[in-house]
Amino acid sequence: MVPQAGTGTFSVVPGSEPAPGAGPLRTVRVEVENGLPVEVTAFARFVMRTLNDARGWGHDGAMTFARTAGDAEIVVRLASPETTGRLCEPLDTAGPLSCRVGAHAVVNHYRWVEGSPDYHGDLTAYRSYVVNHEVGHVLGHDHVNCPAPSAPAPVMQQQSLGLNGCNPNPWPYPG
């Protein structure tokens, strides 16, 4: 069972990771709400692997991401549903939704553990989607709609709320 609340405080995942590619550098700090049952280093590795994937926002050298424990342009936070709801106000997360607040991509721990039914049990793909979607907002991208039935859903489509005829897709550039 996924806890509804953590402590409401966050710890930075220690360590750093250099950017693997060329292109404009974006720094990322990863934080996890204290009290959540998660392996914080594995979470940080997953976030960075997703952001630096060739199908991600850095596609074709558009940008590259480095993790730091210090000041960063982007902060990815894993938070309990209760804390997510508080951080995302005035957005109503209804319990399971994630959001972006300024430079913070807030990933809801409930969805991190449970995924989304539209991803048919593919938790890894859903996790990549939620990281790419919320970081996409930090990068300035807005929501978009399904372009056509059976097309890959754009990563900036609100796939957690349904696919509207599209197929699940966790990547900005699925190629």
C-alpha atoms as a PDB file:
ATOM      1  CA  MET A   1       0.000   0.000   0.000  1.00  0.00           C
ATOM      2  CA  VAL A   2       1.246   3.451  -0.929  1.00  0.00           C
ATOM      3  CA  PRO A   3       1.462   5.840   2.031  1.00  0.00           C
ATOM      4  CA  GLN A   4      -0.727   8.921   1.633  1.00  0.00           C
ATOM      5  CA  ALA A   5       1.683  11.126   3.567  1.00  0.00           C
ATOM      6  CA  GLY A   6       5.374  11.495   4.244  1.00  0.00           C
ATOM      7  CA  THR A   7       6.963  14.013   6.548  1.00  0.00           C
ATOM      8  CA  GLY A   8       6.406  16.986   4.245  1.00  0.00           C
ATOM      9  CA  THR A   9      10.156  17.662   4.219  1.00  0.00           C
ATOM     10  CA  PHE A  10      12.616  16.716   1.489  1.00  0.00           C
ATOM     11  CA  SER A  11      16.191  15.491   1.311  1.00  0.00           C
ATOM     12  CA  VAL A  12      18.451  16.009  -1.666  1.00  0.00           C
ATOM     13  CA  VAL A  13      19.717  12.758  -3.118  1.00  0.00           C
ATOM     14  CA  PRO A  14      23.467  13.016  -2.513  1.00  0.00           C
ATOM     15  CA  GLY A  15      25.969  12.873  -5.306  1.00  0.00           C
ATOM     16  CA  SER A  16      26.325  14.185  -8.793  1.00  0.00           C
ATOM     17  CA  GLU A  17      26.369  12.865 -12.321  1.00  0.00           C
ATOM     18  CA  PRO A  18      28.030  14.590 -15.284  1.00  0.00           C
ATOM     19  CA  ALA A  19      26.081  15.378 -18.425  1.00  0.00           C
ATOM     20  CA  PRO A  20      26.694  12.631 -20.988  1.00  0.00           C
ATOM     21  CA  GLY A  21      26.121  14.624 -24.154  1.00  0.00           C
ATOM     22  CA  ALA A  22      26.659  17.788 -26.071  1.00  0.00           C
ATOM     23  CA  GLY A  23      24.227  20.641 -26.248  1.00  0.00           C
ATOM     24  CA  PRO A  24      23.121  23.239 -23.721  1.00  0.00           C
ATOM     25  CA  LEU A  25      23.602  22.014 -20.159  1.00  0.00           C
ATOM     26  CA  ARG A  26      20.650  21.788 -17.768  1.00  0.00           C
ATOM     27  CA  THR A  27      21.380  21.059 -14.131  1.00  0.00           C
ATOM     28  CA  VAL A  28      19.017  18.840 -12.155  1.00  0.00           C
ATOM     29  CA  ARG A  29      18.689  18.278  -8.415  1.00  0.00           C
ATOM     30  CA  VAL A  30      16.710  15.242  -7.274  1.00  0.00           C
ATOM     31  CA  GLU A  31      14.862  15.322  -3.944  1.00  0.00           C
ATOM     32  CA  VAL A  32      12.748  12.716  -2.172  1.00  0.00           C
ATOM     33  CA  GLU A  33      10.221  13.387   0.571  1.00  0.00           C
ATOM     34  CA  ASN A  34      11.429  11.990   3.872  1.00  0.00           C
ATOM     35  CA  GLY A  35       9.486   8.993   5.101  1.00  0.00           C
ATOM     36  CA  LEU A  36       8.714   7.459   1.694  1.00  0.00           C
ATOM     37  CA  PRO A  37       9.663   3.806   1.176  1.00  0.00           C
ATOM     38  CA  VAL A  38      11.888   4.322  -1.860  1.00  0.00           C
ATOM     39  CA  GLU A  39      15.519   3.674  -2.732  1.00  0.00           C
ATOM     40  CA  VAL A  40      16.544   7.285  -3.331  1.00  0.00           C
ATOM     41  CA  THR A  41      19.674   6.558  -5.360  1.00  0.00           C
ATOM     42  CA  ALA A  42      17.718   4.300  -7.726  1.00  0.00           C
ATOM     43  CA  PHE A  43      15.091   7.030  -8.147  1.00  0.00           C
ATOM     44  CA  ALA A  44      17.777   9.612  -9.021  1.00  0.00           C
ATOM     45  CA  ARG A  45      19.430   7.207 -11.487  1.00  0.00           C
ATOM     46  CA  PHE A  46      16.078   6.568 -13.178  1.00  0.00           C
ATOM     47  CA  VAL A  47      15.338  10.295 -13.488  1.00  0.00           C
ATOM     48  CA  MET A  48      18.700  11.003 -15.080  1.00  0.00           C
ATOM     49  CA  ARG A  49      18.589   7.962 -17.369  1.00  0.00           C
ATOM     50  CA  THR A  50      15.159   9.116 -18.566  1.00  0.00           C
ATOM     51  CA  LEU A  51      16.186  12.735 -19.110  1.00  0.00           C
ATOM     52  CA  ASN A  52      19.340  11.775 -21.016  1.00  0.00           C
ATOM     53  CA  ASP A  53      17.730   9.031 -23.123  1.00  0.00           C
ATOM     54  CA  ALA A  54      18.137   9.612 -26.885  1.00  0.00           C
ATOM     55  CA  ARG A  55      14.317   9.729 -27.153  1.00  0.00           C
ATOM     56  CA  GLY A  56      14.131  12.413 -24.443  1.00  0.00           C
ATOM     57  CA  TRP A  57      14.338  16.187 -24.314  1.00  0.00           C
ATOM     58  CA  GLY A  58      18.035  16.090 -25.258  1.00  0.00           C
ATOM     59  CA  HIS A  59      17.237  14.416 -28.593  1.00  0.00           C
ATOM     60  CA  ASP A  60      19.819  15.243 -31.282  1.00  0.00           C
ATOM     61  CA  GLY A  61      21.896  17.384 -28.903  1.00  0.00           C
ATOM     62  CA  ALA A  62      19.053  19.784 -28.034  1.00  0.00           C
ATOM     63  CA  MET A  63      20.284  19.736 -24.416  1.00  0.00           C
ATOM     64  CA  THR A  64      21.964  17.505 -21.884  1.00  0.00           C
ATOM     65  CA  PHE A  65      21.297  17.021 -18.182  1.00  0.00           C
ATOM     66  CA  ALA A  66      23.749  16.842 -15.264  1.00  0.00           C
ATOM     67  CA  ARG A  67      22.737  15.959 -11.707  1.00  0.00           C
ATOM     68  CA  THR A  68      23.956  18.054  -8.808  1.00  0.00           C
ATOM     69  CA  ALA A  69      23.250  18.128  -5.092  1.00  0.00           C
ATOM     70  CA  GLY A  70      23.536  21.928  -5.157  1.00  0.00           C
ATOM     71  CA  ASP A  71      21.728  24.726  -6.939  1.00  0.00           C
ATOM     72  CA  ALA A  72      19.997  23.555 -10.109  1.00  0.00           C
ATOM     73  CA  GLU A  73      17.786  24.860 -12.905  1.00  0.00           C
ATOM     74  CA  ILE A  74      15.395  21.903 -12.537  1.00  0.00           C
ATOM     75  CA  VAL A  75      14.358  20.126  -9.337  1.00  0.00           C
ATOM     76  CA  VAL A  76      12.649  16.737  -9.601  1.00  0.00           C
ATOM     77  CA  ARG A  77      10.820  15.876  -6.374  1.00  0.00           C
ATOM     78  CA  LEU A  78       9.202  12.570  -5.407  1.00  0.00           C
ATOM     79  CA  ALA A  79       6.390  13.384  -2.974  1.00  0.00           C
ATOM     80  CA  SER A  80       3.542  11.608  -1.204  1.00  0.00           C
ATOM     81  CA  PRO A  81       0.000  12.247  -2.483  1.00  0.00           C
ATOM     82  CA  GLU A  82      -0.735  14.554   0.466  1.00  0.00           C
ATOM     83  CA  THR A  83       2.422  16.610   0.001  1.00  0.00           C
ATOM     84  CA  THR A  84       1.954  16.672  -3.781  1.00  0.00           C
ATOM     85  CA  GLY A  85      -1.542  18.079  -3.270  1.00  0.00           C
ATOM     86  CA  ARG A  86      -0.196  20.791  -0.994  1.00  0.00           C
ATOM     87  CA  LEU A  87       2.722  21.700  -3.278  1.00  0.00           C
ATOM     88  CA  CYS A  88       0.565  21.778  -6.405  1.00  0.00           C
ATOM     89  CA  GLU A  89      -2.156  24.086  -5.071  1.00  0.00           C
ATOM     90  CA  PRO A  90      -4.249  25.629  -6.486  1.00  0.00           C
ATOM     91  CA  LEU A  91      -4.219  22.655  -8.900  1.00  0.00           C
ATOM     92  CA  ASP A  92      -6.396  19.879  -7.511  1.00  0.00           C
ATOM     93  CA  THR A  93      -4.322  16.715  -7.909  1.00  0.00           C
ATOM     94  CA  ALA A  94      -7.272  14.567  -6.741  1.00  0.00           C
ATOM     95  CA  GLY A  95      -4.758  12.360  -4.937  1.00  0.00           C
ATOM     96  CA  PRO A  96      -2.707  10.685  -7.692  1.00  0.00           C
ATOM     97  CA  LEU A  97      -1.712  13.447 -10.117  1.00  0.00           C
ATOM     98  CA  SER A  98       1.742  15.009 -10.452  1.00  0.00           C
ATOM     99  CA  CYS A  99       2.472  18.627 -11.377  1.00  0.00           C
ATOM    100  CA  ARG A 100       5.005  21.334 -12.093  1.00  0.00           C
ATOM    101  CA  VAL A 101       5.501  24.270  -9.740  1.00  0.00           C
ATOM    102  CA  GLY A 102       8.002  26.779 -11.095  1.00  0.00           C
ATOM    103  CA  ALA A 103      11.276  24.907 -11.606  1.00  0.00           C
ATOM    104  CA  HIS A 104      10.008  21.907  -9.602  1.00  0.00           C
ATOM    105  CA  ALA A 105       8.711  18.779 -11.325  1.00  0.00           C
ATOM    106  CA  VAL A 106       6.668  17.104  -8.566  1.00  0.00           C
ATOM    107  CA  VAL A 107       6.243  13.360  -9.130  1.00  0.00           C
ATOM    108  CA  ASN A 108       3.461  11.801  -7.089  1.00  0.00           C
ATOM    109  CA  HIS A 109       4.691   8.735  -5.203  1.00  0.00           C
ATOM    110  CA  TYR A 110       1.302   7.050  -5.700  1.00  0.00           C
ATOM    111  CA  ARG A 111       1.741   7.098  -9.489  1.00  0.00           C
ATOM    112  CA  TRP A 112       5.401   6.171  -9.137  1.00  0.00           C
ATOM    113  CA  VAL A 113       4.337   2.957  -7.405  1.00  0.00           C
ATOM    114  CA  GLU A 114       0.990   2.233  -9.105  1.00  0.00           C
ATOM    115  CA  GLY A 115       1.482   3.674 -12.594  1.00  0.00           C
ATOM    116  CA  SER A 116      -1.549   4.288 -14.779  1.00  0.00           C
ATOM    117  CA  PRO A 117      -4.058   1.734 -16.091  1.00  0.00           C
ATOM    118  CA  ASP A 118      -3.548   3.003 -19.657  1.00  0.00           C
ATOM    119  CA  TYR A 119       0.060   1.794 -19.523  1.00  0.00           C
ATOM    120  CA  HIS A 120      -1.151  -1.800 -19.054  1.00  0.00           C
ATOM    121  CA  GLY A 121       1.266  -2.676 -16.264  1.00  0.00           C
ATOM    122  CA  ASP A 122       4.359  -1.185 -17.928  1.00  0.00           C
ATOM    123  CA  LEU A 123       5.538   0.705 -14.858  1.00  0.00           C
ATOM    124  CA  THR A 124       8.931   1.589 -16.343  1.00  0.00           C
ATOM    125  CA  ALA A 125       7.332   3.282 -19.357  1.00  0.00           C
ATOM    126  CA  TYR A 126       4.849   5.142 -17.168  1.00  0.00           C
ATOM    127  CA  ARG A 127       7.632   6.367 -14.891  1.00  0.00           C
ATOM    128  CA  SER A 128       9.542   7.669 -17.909  1.00  0.00           C
ATOM    129  CA  TYR A 129       6.364   9.404 -19.080  1.00  0.00           C
ATOM    130  CA  VAL A 130       5.713  11.194 -15.783  1.00  0.00           C
ATOM    131  CA  VAL A 131       9.333  12.402 -15.502  1.00  0.00           C
ATOM    132  CA  ASN A 132       9.377  13.599 -19.127  1.00  0.00           C
ATOM    133  CA  HIS A 133       5.932  15.206 -18.863  1.00  0.00           C
ATOM    134  CA  GLU A 134       6.594  17.196 -15.686  1.00  0.00           C
ATOM    135  CA  VAL A 135      10.123  18.197 -16.707  1.00  0.00           C
ATOM    136  CA  GLY A 136       8.619  19.170 -20.076  1.00  0.00           C
ATOM    137  CA  HIS A 137       6.500  21.714 -18.217  1.00  0.00           C
ATOM    138  CA  VAL A 138       9.607  23.069 -16.472  1.00  0.00           C
ATOM    139  CA  LEU A 139      11.188  23.420 -19.924  1.00  0.00           C
ATOM    140  CA  GLY A 140       8.212  25.506 -21.054  1.00  0.00           C
ATOM    141  CA  HIS A 141       6.006  22.981 -22.859  1.00  0.00           C
ATOM    142  CA  ASP A 142       2.218  23.117 -22.497  1.00  0.00           C
ATOM    143  CA  HIS A 143      -0.379  20.367 -22.721  1.00  0.00           C
ATOM    144  CA  VAL A 144      -1.360  19.047 -26.141  1.00  0.00           C
ATOM    145  CA  ASN A 145      -4.082  16.683 -27.339  1.00  0.00           C
ATOM    146  CA  CYS A 146      -4.024  13.318 -29.070  1.00  0.00           C
ATOM    147  CA  PRO A 147      -3.363  14.106 -32.754  1.00  0.00           C
ATOM    148  CA  ALA A 148      -5.100  11.044 -34.265  1.00  0.00           C
ATOM    149  CA  PRO A 149      -6.526   7.664 -33.240  1.00  0.00           C
ATOM    150  CA  SER A 150      -3.818   5.017 -32.661  1.00  0.00           C
ATOM    151  CA  ALA A 151      -1.019   7.601 -32.887  1.00  0.00           C
ATOM    152  CA  PRO A 152       1.592   7.673 -30.129  1.00  0.00           C
ATOM    153  CA  ALA A 153       0.343  10.070 -27.465  1.00  0.00           C
ATOM    154  CA  PRO A 154       2.481  13.199 -27.306  1.00  0.00           C
ATOM    155  CA  VAL A 155       4.458  13.227 -24.054  1.00  0.00           C
ATOM    156  CA  MET A 156       2.800  16.539 -23.199  1.00  0.00           C
ATOM    157  CA  GLN A 157      -0.664  15.001 -23.478  1.00  0.00           C
ATOM    158  CA  GLN A 158      -2.161  14.412 -20.028  1.00  0.00           C
ATOM    159  CA  GLN A 159      -1.842  10.643 -20.407  1.00  0.00           C
ATOM    160  CA  SER A 160      -2.552  10.069 -16.704  1.00  0.00           C
ATOM    161  CA  LEU A 161      -6.102  11.285 -17.395  1.00  0.00           C
ATOM    162  CA  GLY A 162      -6.639   9.035 -20.430  1.00  0.00           C
ATOM    163  CA  LEU A 163      -5.251   8.486 -23.892  1.00  0.00           C
ATOM    164  CA  ASN A 164      -8.268   9.710 -25.917  1.00  0.00           C
ATOM    165  CA  GLY A 165      -7.584   7.234 -28.727  1.00  0.00           C
ATOM    166  CA  CYS A 166      -3.799   7.515 -28.732  1.00  0.00           C
ATOM    167  CA  ASN A 167      -1.361   4.798 -27.677  1.00  0.00           C
ATOM    168  CA  PRO A 168       0.776   5.228 -24.562  1.00  0.00           C
ATOM    169  CA  ASN A 169       4.098   6.957 -25.204  1.00  0.00           C
ATOM    170  CA  PRO A 170       6.607   8.107 -22.590  1.00  0.00           C
ATOM    171  CA  TRP A 171       8.991   9.958 -24.925  1.00  0.00           C
ATOM    172  CA  PRO A 172       9.154  13.430 -26.476  1.00  0.00           C
ATOM    173  CA  TYR A 173      10.849  11.918 -29.563  1.00  0.00           C
ATOM    174  CA  PRO A 174       9.797   8.242 -29.719  1.00  0.00           C
ATOM    175  CA  GLY A 175      11.459   7.762 -33.124  1.00  0.00           C
END
